[in-house]
Amino acid sequence: MEFKMVDDKSMTEQVQEFQFIGNKIAISGIALDENFYVGAIVSKHPPSSKEYISQLLDKKEDFTLEQLLQHLQIEQET
């Protein structure tokens, strides 16, 4: 399964799809930590949001998944 974020879907919807994939992996017995989710979401963002993500990560080194989702939701709404 490949996960790649695109411009024509909301970030929230795409992150939920990614979490669904992660949950399927977890059900199979493979544990994924929060850093994996954060890193994967950040790395799969489309070019249109890369600058925002870079600026966000420059401000704080460790983001929880919840913090990242909050920031992405705010960015999507603006």
Protein backbone atom coordinates (compact mmCIF):
# COMPACT_ATOMS: atom_id res chain seq x y z
CA MET A 1 0.00 0.00 0.00
CA GLU A 2 1.38 3.39 -0.92
CA PHE A 3 0.22 6.58 0.72
CA LYS A 4 0.81 9.88 -1.02
CA MET A 5 -0.94 13.11 -0.14
CA VAL A 6 -2.53 15.09 -2.95
CA ASP A 7 -3.80 18.64 -3.38
CA ASP A 8 -7.34 17.70 -4.37
CA LYS A 9 -8.30 16.14 -0.99
CA SER A 10 -8.37 17.81 2.40
CA MET A 11 -5.37 17.14 4.63
CA THR A 12 -7.70 15.91 7.36
CA GLU A 13 -9.29 13.36 5.04
CA GLN A 14 -5.90 12.14 3.87
CA VAL A 15 -4.53 11.85 7.40
CA GLN A 16 -7.61 9.84 8.40
CA GLU A 17 -7.00 7.49 5.46
CA PHE A 18 -3.38 7.12 6.58
CA GLN A 19 -4.46 6.39 10.16
CA PHE A 20 -6.83 3.74 8.82
CA ILE A 21 -3.93 2.08 7.02
CA GLY A 22 -1.84 2.31 10.20
CA ASN A 23 -4.63 0.70 12.20
CA LYS A 24 -4.81 -2.19 9.75
CA ILE A 25 -1.06 -2.68 10.18
CA ALA A 26 -1.42 -2.55 13.98
CA ILE A 27 -4.19 -5.16 13.88
CA SER A 28 -1.80 -7.48 12.07
CA GLY A 29 0.52 -7.26 15.07
CA ILE A 30 3.04 -4.67 13.92
CA ALA A 31 3.32 -1.76 16.33
CA LEU A 32 3.91 1.71 14.87
CA ASP A 33 4.88 4.52 17.20
CA GLU A 34 3.64 8.09 17.00
CA ASN A 35 6.92 9.37 15.53
CA PHE A 36 6.37 7.07 12.55
CA TYR A 37 2.95 8.57 11.90
CA VAL A 38 4.19 12.15 12.23
CA GLY A 39 7.20 11.54 10.01
CA ALA A 40 5.21 9.71 7.37
CA ILE A 41 2.51 12.38 7.22
CA VAL A 42 5.07 15.15 6.94
CA SER A 43 7.07 13.35 4.25
CA LYS A 44 4.02 12.60 2.11
CA HIS A 45 2.65 16.13 1.90
CA PRO A 46 2.28 17.61 -1.56
CA PRO A 47 4.70 20.32 -2.72
CA SER A 48 2.11 23.03 -2.12
CA SER A 49 2.36 22.54 1.66
CA LYS A 50 6.05 21.62 2.04
CA GLU A 51 7.08 25.18 2.93
CA TYR A 52 4.45 25.41 5.66
CA ILE A 53 5.49 22.05 7.12
CA SER A 54 9.15 23.08 7.08
CA GLN A 55 8.40 26.29 8.94
CA LEU A 56 6.25 24.41 11.43
CA LEU A 57 8.94 21.84 12.19
CA ASP A 58 11.60 24.53 12.54
CA LYS A 59 9.64 25.94 15.47
CA LYS A 60 9.43 22.72 17.45
CA GLU A 61 11.38 19.50 17.17
CA ASP A 62 8.94 16.91 18.48
CA PHE A 63 5.32 17.00 17.46
CA THR A 64 2.71 14.60 18.69
CA LEU A 65 0.29 13.34 16.09
CA GLU A 66 -2.47 15.37 17.72
CA GLN A 67 -0.41 18.59 17.61
CA LEU A 68 0.46 18.03 13.97
CA LEU A 69 -3.18 17.39 13.09
CA GLN A 70 -4.25 20.57 14.89
CA HIS A 71 -1.72 22.64 12.94
CA LEU A 72 -2.69 21.03 9.65
CA GLN A 73 -6.38 21.67 10.35
CA ILE A 74 -5.64 25.36 11.05
CA GLU A 75 -3.58 25.63 7.87
CA GLN A 76 -6.32 23.98 5.84
CA GLU A 77 -8.93 26.41 7.18
CA THR A 78 -6.85 29.50 6.33
